[in-house]
Amino acid sequence: MAKLKHRWSLGHNYMTGVTFGVWLRLLAQNRFRLSPAYWHRVAFITLASLANSGFAAWETLRHGRAVTAVQITKPPLFILGHWRSGTTLLHDLLAQDTVQFQFANTYRVVNPLTFLTTERAVTRLFPGLVPDKRPMDNMPLKFTSPQEDEFAPLLMTGLSVYLGVSFPQTGADYEKYLSFRGVPRAEIDRWKAAFLRFCKKLSLNDNRALLLKSPPHTARIRTILELFPDARFVHIHRDPYTVFQSQRHFFNTAGWYTYLQRPDLAAIDEGILQRHETMYDAYFEDLALIPAGHFTEVRFDALEADPVAQVAAIYQTLGLGGFTAFRPQLERYVATLAGYKKNSFLTLDPATRHLVAARWQRSFTVWSYPTEPQDKR
């Protein structure tokens, strides 16, 4: 049996933002099969869901009509890329342009139905609810940090591939929500309506363009374009061996704070491999749907080596404008990153390296990454 890590932790768990109705539906989908080791988390989420339902009802009464009336007039910019490929770094860099962009922060994505009512009070009174650093990579984390928006429609609808992390014993049931291939149209429309409403809530008192980042969006280009036909996209990619190892590290760190069922550790590698394949099958199928001039791409190693030049190239390719005025703020932020040390991984064993190279051959080929043994990282 796997040794359980962080068994008693309550933090790092996005499910605390769910409402009671969605929570009950998720429990029923899983036939209430919850590992006893995590019953304390279940109890905490249940109590939180009851409070969330009350605040959500009040927020709908107070702001519902105004949110419905919001018109998002500026094309959003979506950051695409596999987990652990540098999407967070790119998101943080672009988010420094506070004149042009707004973004979903940590508090809002975990409280999508209540943040208009609760954000100011909770973030002031309880800043300690958020750890100082992310467990998988030690990057700084605050309520106000730019955060991936996948959690918001997940909590609003109960439709997300991420639910497979919370419920790993039934994780296969949620894999289809990565690309929405084969998902009933009614469920796709429900997810789209929730995502659009979240975006409208973000834009209720803020007319800046939305800067949105979630790795699953990499597999949903067609769905995003149905909502935002003029959206811009920037895709970031990284050495596939490092992506694989870093994703392994994620499941051995952050994943343990989220589980509600005991995971099968032997299945993690196959899940990583399969999700990458699903993601990029959909990505390459949909890439041609993006209008000319609305897409660009960046390598993680190039972004890491010269962030300012790479961000400048993104602005130029996408025709965003305003980079000259933005550049001093970007340079100041880049200077603060000088002491950061990313995770270091040993070279993969030959059998695993061969498997990754075979299964992810397209990524190695398309983005010109070598498949020979990588240096120690």
Protein backbone atom coordinates (compact mmCIF):
# COMPACT_ATOMS: atom_id res chain seq x y z
CA MET A 1 0.00 0.00 0.00
CA ALA A 2 1.27 3.46 -0.84
CA LYS A 3 2.59 5.54 2.01
CA LEU A 4 0.33 8.56 2.39
CA LYS A 5 1.93 12.01 2.41
CA HIS A 6 0.40 15.17 3.85
CA ARG A 7 -2.45 13.04 5.10
CA TRP A 8 -3.78 15.58 7.59
CA SER A 9 -3.36 18.69 5.51
CA LEU A 10 -6.37 20.81 4.62
CA GLY A 11 -4.55 23.47 2.65
CA HIS A 12 -3.85 23.47 -1.09
CA ASN A 13 -7.28 21.94 -1.73
CA TYR A 14 -9.27 23.79 -4.36
CA MET A 15 -12.43 21.83 -3.49
CA THR A 16 -13.05 24.12 -0.51
CA GLY A 17 -14.64 26.55 -3.01
CA VAL A 18 -17.37 24.16 -4.18
CA THR A 19 -21.06 24.66 -3.44
CA PHE A 20 -23.08 21.95 -1.73
CA GLY A 21 -25.09 20.93 -4.79
CA VAL A 22 -22.05 20.35 -6.99
CA TRP A 23 -20.22 18.66 -4.11
CA LEU A 24 -23.09 16.26 -3.50
CA ARG A 25 -23.23 15.43 -7.22
CA LEU A 26 -19.50 14.65 -7.26
CA LEU A 27 -19.82 12.42 -4.22
CA ALA A 28 -22.72 10.58 -5.83
CA GLN A 29 -20.74 10.12 -9.07
CA ASN A 30 -18.06 8.44 -6.99
CA ARG A 31 -20.64 6.43 -5.02
CA PHE A 32 -19.33 8.07 -1.86
CA ARG A 33 -16.16 5.96 -2.14
CA LEU A 34 -13.78 8.11 -0.12
CA SER A 35 -10.67 6.81 1.60
CA PRO A 36 -10.93 6.93 5.41
CA ALA A 37 -7.51 8.62 5.54
CA TYR A 38 -9.11 11.66 3.92
CA TRP A 39 -12.45 11.80 5.72
CA HIS A 40 -11.30 14.93 7.57
CA ARG A 41 -10.90 16.67 4.20
CA VAL A 42 -14.36 15.52 3.14
CA ALA A 43 -15.84 16.93 6.34
CA PHE A 44 -14.06 20.25 5.88
CA ILE A 45 -15.12 20.56 2.23
CA THR A 46 -18.72 19.69 3.15
CA LEU A 47 -18.87 22.42 5.79
CA ALA A 48 -17.27 24.91 3.42
CA SER A 49 -19.72 23.97 0.64
CA LEU A 50 -22.68 24.84 2.83
CA ALA A 51 -21.27 28.29 3.54
CA ASN A 52 -20.35 28.72 -0.14
CA SER A 53 -23.91 27.95 -1.18
CA GLY A 54 -25.24 30.68 1.07
CA PHE A 55 -22.76 33.27 -0.14
CA ALA A 56 -23.32 32.23 -3.77
CA ALA A 57 -27.07 32.75 -3.45
CA TRP A 58 -26.53 36.17 -1.93
CA GLU A 59 -24.02 37.09 -4.64
CA THR A 60 -26.46 36.10 -7.37
CA LEU A 61 -29.16 38.27 -5.84
CA ARG A 62 -26.79 41.18 -5.43
CA HIS A 63 -24.80 41.04 -8.67
CA GLY A 64 -26.51 38.53 -10.96
CA ARG A 65 -28.15 40.94 -13.39
CA ALA A 66 -25.09 43.15 -13.63
CA VAL A 67 -22.86 40.16 -14.41
CA THR A 68 -25.26 38.92 -17.08
CA ALA A 69 -25.17 42.33 -18.75
CA VAL A 70 -21.38 42.49 -18.97
CA GLN A 71 -19.99 42.63 -22.51
CA ILE A 72 -16.40 41.43 -22.97
CA THR A 73 -15.22 43.70 -25.76
CA LYS A 74 -11.45 43.12 -25.74
CA PRO A 75 -10.07 39.83 -27.07
CA PRO A 76 -8.65 37.67 -24.26
CA LEU A 77 -5.10 36.33 -24.44
CA PHE A 78 -4.84 32.62 -23.63
CA ILE A 79 -1.58 31.01 -22.52
CA LEU A 80 -1.37 27.42 -23.71
CA GLY A 81 1.09 24.66 -22.86
CA HIS A 82 1.43 21.34 -21.07
CA TRP A 83 1.67 21.29 -17.30
CA ARG A 84 5.19 22.08 -16.07
CA SER A 85 6.23 23.59 -19.40
CA GLY A 86 6.62 27.17 -18.16
CA THR A 87 3.04 28.43 -18.39
CA THR A 88 3.22 29.92 -14.89
CA LEU A 89 6.40 31.86 -15.62
CA LEU A 90 4.92 33.22 -18.85
CA HIS A 91 1.66 34.07 -17.07
CA ASP A 92 3.50 35.96 -14.32
CA LEU A 93 5.57 37.90 -16.86
CA LEU A 94 2.61 39.00 -18.96
CA ALA A 95 0.54 39.79 -15.86
CA GLN A 96 3.00 42.58 -15.05
CA ASP A 97 1.32 44.59 -17.83
CA THR A 98 -1.40 45.90 -15.54
CA VAL A 99 -2.34 48.64 -18.03
CA GLN A 100 -3.39 46.16 -20.71
CA PHE A 101 -4.36 43.00 -18.81
CA GLN A 102 -6.36 41.71 -15.90
CA PHE A 103 -6.16 38.10 -14.72
CA ALA A 104 -7.87 35.56 -12.52
CA ASN A 105 -6.11 35.38 -9.17
CA THR A 106 -5.81 32.52 -6.69
CA TYR A 107 -8.74 33.59 -4.54
CA ARG A 108 -11.12 34.12 -7.43
CA VAL A 109 -10.52 30.83 -9.23
CA VAL A 110 -11.16 28.87 -6.02
CA ASN A 111 -14.21 30.97 -5.09
CA PRO A 112 -15.79 31.64 -8.49
CA LEU A 113 -19.35 31.95 -7.20
CA THR A 114 -18.60 34.12 -4.17
CA PHE A 115 -15.54 36.30 -4.78
CA LEU A 116 -17.50 39.47 -5.51
CA THR A 117 -18.94 39.19 -1.99
CA THR A 118 -16.14 37.61 0.03
CA GLU A 119 -12.77 38.43 -1.52
CA ARG A 120 -12.04 41.70 0.21
CA ALA A 121 -12.81 40.47 3.71
CA VAL A 122 -11.30 36.99 3.48
CA THR A 123 -8.04 38.04 1.84
CA ARG A 124 -7.49 40.75 4.45
CA LEU A 125 -8.44 38.68 7.48
CA PHE A 126 -6.96 35.30 6.51
CA PRO A 127 -3.88 35.75 4.29
CA GLY A 128 -2.30 32.74 6.03
CA LEU A 129 -4.78 30.38 4.37
CA VAL A 130 -2.49 30.40 1.33
CA PRO A 131 1.04 28.95 1.70
CA ASP A 132 3.96 31.22 0.83
CA LYS A 133 5.16 28.89 -1.94
CA ARG A 134 3.72 26.27 -4.26
CA PRO A 135 4.65 22.77 -3.07
CA MET A 136 5.77 21.47 -6.47
CA ASP A 137 8.19 24.24 -7.46
CA ASN A 138 8.58 26.77 -4.62
CA MET A 139 7.22 29.62 -6.73
CA PRO A 140 5.65 32.40 -4.62
CA LEU A 141 1.92 32.10 -3.99
CA LYS A 142 -0.59 34.62 -2.65
CA PHE A 143 -4.33 35.19 -2.89
CA THR A 144 -3.53 37.89 -5.45
CA SER A 145 -1.16 35.74 -7.58
CA PRO A 146 -2.13 35.05 -11.20
CA GLN A 147 -3.72 31.60 -11.23
CA GLU A 148 -5.04 29.13 -13.77
CA ASP A 149 -8.74 29.55 -14.39
CA GLU A 150 -9.56 25.82 -14.81
CA PHE A 151 -10.60 25.63 -11.18
CA ALA A 152 -13.43 28.13 -11.64
CA PRO A 153 -15.63 26.25 -14.16
CA LEU A 154 -14.69 23.00 -12.39
CA LEU A 155 -16.22 24.27 -9.15
CA MET A 156 -19.20 25.76 -10.96
CA THR A 157 -20.05 22.66 -13.01
CA GLY A 158 -18.16 19.60 -11.73
CA LEU A 159 -16.69 19.11 -15.23
CA SER A 160 -12.89 18.96 -15.37
CA VAL A 161 -10.02 16.59 -15.93
CA TYR A 162 -8.62 17.86 -12.61
CA LEU A 163 -11.27 15.92 -10.73
CA GLY A 164 -9.22 12.85 -11.53
CA VAL A 165 -6.62 14.13 -9.06
CA SER A 166 -9.19 14.45 -6.28
CA PHE A 167 -10.83 11.14 -7.19
CA PRO A 168 -7.98 9.04 -8.66
CA GLN A 169 -9.88 5.74 -8.38
CA THR A 170 -12.44 7.05 -10.87
CA GLY A 171 -10.07 9.40 -12.68
CA ALA A 172 -10.69 7.76 -16.05
CA ASP A 173 -14.25 9.11 -15.95
CA TYR A 174 -12.94 12.69 -16.00
CA GLU A 175 -10.26 12.38 -18.69
CA LYS A 176 -12.73 13.29 -21.44
CA TYR A 177 -13.03 16.79 -20.03
CA LEU A 178 -9.45 17.57 -21.07
CA SER A 179 -10.34 18.00 -24.74
CA PHE A 180 -14.16 17.60 -24.59
CA ARG A 181 -13.90 15.10 -27.44
CA GLY A 182 -16.85 12.72 -27.13
CA VAL A 183 -18.52 14.77 -24.39
CA PRO A 184 -22.29 15.36 -24.81
CA ARG A 185 -23.05 18.79 -26.24
CA ALA A 186 -25.16 19.66 -23.20
CA GLU A 187 -22.16 19.25 -20.92
CA ILE A 188 -19.91 21.28 -23.22
CA ASP A 189 -22.49 24.06 -23.27
CA ARG A 190 -22.77 23.95 -19.48
CA TRP A 191 -19.00 24.30 -19.13
CA LYS A 192 -18.93 27.13 -21.68
CA ALA A 193 -21.71 29.00 -19.89
CA ALA A 194 -19.89 28.70 -16.55
CA PHE A 195 -16.55 29.77 -18.00
CA LEU A 196 -18.12 32.75 -19.77
CA ARG A 197 -19.93 33.79 -16.59
CA PHE A 198 -16.67 33.62 -14.64
CA CYS A 199 -15.01 35.80 -17.26
CA LYS A 200 -17.91 38.25 -17.05
CA LYS A 201 -17.55 38.39 -13.27
CA LEU A 202 -13.87 39.21 -13.66
CA SER A 203 -14.83 41.95 -16.11
CA LEU A 204 -17.71 43.39 -14.08
CA ASN A 205 -15.69 46.39 -12.93
CA ASP A 206 -12.63 45.96 -15.11
CA ASN A 207 -12.57 46.58 -18.86
CA ARG A 208 -8.98 45.43 -19.43
CA ALA A 209 -8.33 42.41 -21.64
CA LEU A 210 -8.41 39.05 -19.86
CA LEU A 211 -5.12 37.18 -19.53
CA LEU A 212 -6.08 33.54 -19.02
CA LYS A 213 -3.89 30.50 -18.39
CA SER A 214 -4.75 26.84 -17.92
CA PRO A 215 -2.92 23.88 -19.46
CA PRO A 216 -6.22 22.11 -20.33
CA HIS A 217 -7.07 24.98 -22.69
CA THR A 218 -4.29 23.62 -24.92
CA ALA A 219 -6.71 20.84 -25.87
CA ARG A 220 -9.76 23.13 -26.19
CA ILE A 221 -8.89 25.64 -28.86
CA ARG A 222 -12.12 24.99 -30.79
CA THR A 223 -14.24 25.40 -27.64
CA ILE A 224 -12.49 28.64 -26.69
CA LEU A 225 -12.97 30.05 -30.18
CA GLU A 226 -16.70 29.34 -29.94
CA LEU A 227 -16.75 31.73 -26.97
CA PHE A 228 -14.10 34.21 -28.08
CA PRO A 229 -13.60 34.15 -31.89
CA ASP A 230 -11.02 36.97 -31.69
CA ALA A 231 -8.97 35.42 -28.87
CA ARG A 232 -5.17 35.52 -29.03
CA PHE A 233 -3.03 32.53 -28.06
CA VAL A 234 0.57 32.03 -27.01
CA HIS A 235 1.84 28.48 -26.62
CA ILE A 236 4.93 27.58 -24.60
CA HIS A 237 6.82 24.30 -24.88
CA ARG A 238 9.71 22.72 -23.02
CA ASP A 239 12.05 19.73 -23.27
CA PRO A 240 9.67 16.74 -23.02
CA TYR A 241 11.94 14.77 -20.70
CA THR A 242 11.93 17.63 -18.19
CA VAL A 243 8.16 18.05 -18.55
CA PHE A 244 7.67 14.36 -17.76
CA GLN A 245 9.94 14.45 -14.72
CA SER A 246 8.43 17.68 -13.42
CA GLN A 247 4.92 16.30 -13.81
CA ARG A 248 5.99 13.23 -11.85
CA HIS A 249 7.27 15.60 -9.16
CA PHE A 250 3.93 17.41 -9.11
CA PHE A 251 2.06 14.21 -8.28
CA ASN A 252 4.60 13.43 -5.57
CA THR A 253 4.15 16.85 -3.96
CA ALA A 254 1.05 18.94 -4.68
CA GLY A 255 -1.08 15.94 -5.60
CA TRP A 256 -1.00 14.64 -2.04
CA TYR A 257 -2.77 17.74 -0.73
CA THR A 258 -5.73 17.11 -3.03
CA TYR A 259 -6.53 13.38 -2.90
CA LEU A 260 -9.85 12.24 -1.49
CA GLN A 261 -9.21 8.65 -2.57
CA ARG A 262 -6.04 6.62 -2.16
CA PRO A 263 -4.07 6.90 -5.42
CA ASP A 264 -2.54 4.08 -7.40
CA LEU A 265 1.06 5.25 -7.65
CA ALA A 266 1.85 2.65 -10.31
CA ALA A 267 -0.64 4.30 -12.68
CA ILE A 268 0.77 7.84 -12.49
CA ASP A 269 3.35 7.52 -15.28
CA GLU A 270 0.82 6.14 -17.75
CA GLY A 271 -1.59 8.93 -16.88
CA ILE A 272 1.08 11.55 -17.58
CA LEU A 273 1.92 9.97 -20.92
CA GLN A 274 -1.71 9.59 -21.98
CA ARG A 275 -2.78 13.11 -21.05
CA HIS A 276 0.10 14.58 -23.06
CA GLU A 277 -1.00 12.55 -26.08
CA THR A 278 -4.65 13.56 -25.66
CA MET A 279 -3.72 17.20 -25.23
CA TYR A 280 -1.53 17.45 -28.31
CA ASP A 281 -3.76 15.33 -30.52
CA ALA A 282 -6.45 17.95 -29.95
CA TYR A 283 -4.00 20.87 -30.11
CA PHE A 284 -2.58 19.98 -33.50
CA GLU A 285 -6.03 19.15 -34.84
CA ASP A 286 -7.38 22.56 -33.87
CA LEU A 287 -4.36 24.80 -34.45
CA ALA A 288 -5.46 25.74 -37.97
CA LEU A 289 -8.72 27.15 -36.59
CA ILE A 290 -6.90 30.10 -35.03
CA PRO A 291 -7.06 33.20 -37.29
CA ALA A 292 -3.81 34.42 -38.81
CA GLY A 293 -1.90 36.76 -36.51
CA HIS A 294 -3.64 35.48 -33.38
CA PHE A 295 -1.11 32.80 -32.43
CA THR A 296 2.54 32.68 -31.42
CA GLU A 297 4.85 30.23 -29.72
CA VAL A 298 7.82 30.41 -27.35
CA ARG A 299 10.39 27.93 -26.02
CA PHE A 300 10.80 27.75 -22.25
CA ASP A 301 14.61 27.77 -22.46
CA ALA A 302 14.52 30.94 -24.60
CA LEU A 303 12.05 32.61 -22.22
CA GLU A 304 14.19 31.68 -19.24
CA ALA A 305 17.36 32.99 -20.90
CA ASP A 306 15.94 36.36 -22.04
CA PRO A 307 12.41 37.01 -20.73
CA VAL A 308 12.26 40.61 -21.92
CA ALA A 309 13.19 39.82 -25.52
CA GLN A 310 10.78 36.89 -25.70
CA VAL A 311 7.87 38.90 -24.29
CA ALA A 312 8.68 41.68 -26.76
CA ALA A 313 8.46 39.14 -29.59
CA ILE A 314 5.07 37.95 -28.33
CA TYR A 315 3.74 41.51 -28.32
CA GLN A 316 5.04 42.14 -31.82
CA THR A 317 3.68 38.92 -33.33
CA LEU A 318 0.24 39.30 -31.76
CA GLY A 319 0.07 43.05 -32.42
CA LEU A 320 -0.65 43.81 -28.78
CA GLY A 321 1.00 47.23 -28.64
CA GLY A 322 2.14 49.11 -25.55
CA PHE A 323 5.36 47.18 -25.02
CA THR A 324 7.59 50.24 -24.88
CA ALA A 325 5.64 51.63 -21.92
CA PHE A 326 5.45 48.18 -20.32
CA ARG A 327 9.13 47.31 -20.67
CA PRO A 328 10.47 49.11 -17.54
CA GLN A 329 7.96 47.32 -15.29
CA LEU A 330 8.80 44.00 -16.93
CA GLU A 331 12.53 44.56 -16.43
CA ARG A 332 11.99 45.38 -12.75
CA TYR A 333 10.00 42.18 -12.28
CA VAL A 334 12.58 40.06 -14.11
CA ALA A 335 15.25 41.43 -11.77
CA THR A 336 13.35 40.00 -8.79
CA LEU A 337 13.60 36.48 -10.28
CA ALA A 338 17.39 36.41 -10.21
CA GLY A 339 17.65 34.25 -7.06
CA TYR A 340 15.03 31.69 -7.99
CA LYS A 341 16.23 28.10 -8.39
CA LYS A 342 14.03 25.72 -10.33
CA ASN A 343 13.78 22.02 -9.53
CA SER A 344 16.68 19.78 -10.52
CA PHE A 345 16.14 16.23 -11.77
CA LEU A 346 18.52 13.35 -12.39
CA THR A 347 18.69 11.78 -15.84
CA LEU A 348 15.80 9.42 -16.49
CA ASP A 349 16.55 5.71 -16.47
CA PRO A 350 17.00 4.29 -20.00
CA ALA A 351 13.71 2.37 -20.07
CA THR A 352 11.61 5.37 -19.06
CA ARG A 353 13.54 7.67 -21.37
CA HIS A 354 12.89 5.32 -24.27
CA LEU A 355 9.18 5.18 -23.39
CA VAL A 356 8.84 8.98 -23.24
CA ALA A 357 10.74 9.39 -26.50
CA ALA A 358 8.51 6.87 -28.24
CA ARG A 359 5.17 8.09 -26.87
CA TRP A 360 5.95 11.81 -27.25
CA GLN A 361 7.92 11.58 -30.49
CA ARG A 362 5.85 14.30 -32.15
CA SER A 363 6.81 16.84 -29.48
CA PHE A 364 10.50 16.03 -29.84
CA THR A 365 10.27 16.33 -33.62
CA VAL A 366 8.03 19.38 -34.03
CA TRP A 367 9.92 21.50 -31.50
CA SER A 368 13.40 20.10 -32.23
CA TYR A 369 14.27 18.58 -28.87
CA PRO A 370 16.94 15.84 -28.86
CA THR A 371 15.93 12.35 -27.79
CA GLU A 372 19.41 11.26 -26.76
CA PRO A 373 20.16 11.08 -22.99
CA GLN A 374 19.71 14.52 -21.51
CA ASP A 375 22.24 16.16 -19.24
CA LYS A 376 21.63 16.19 -15.51
CA ARG A 377 19.14 18.96 -14.79
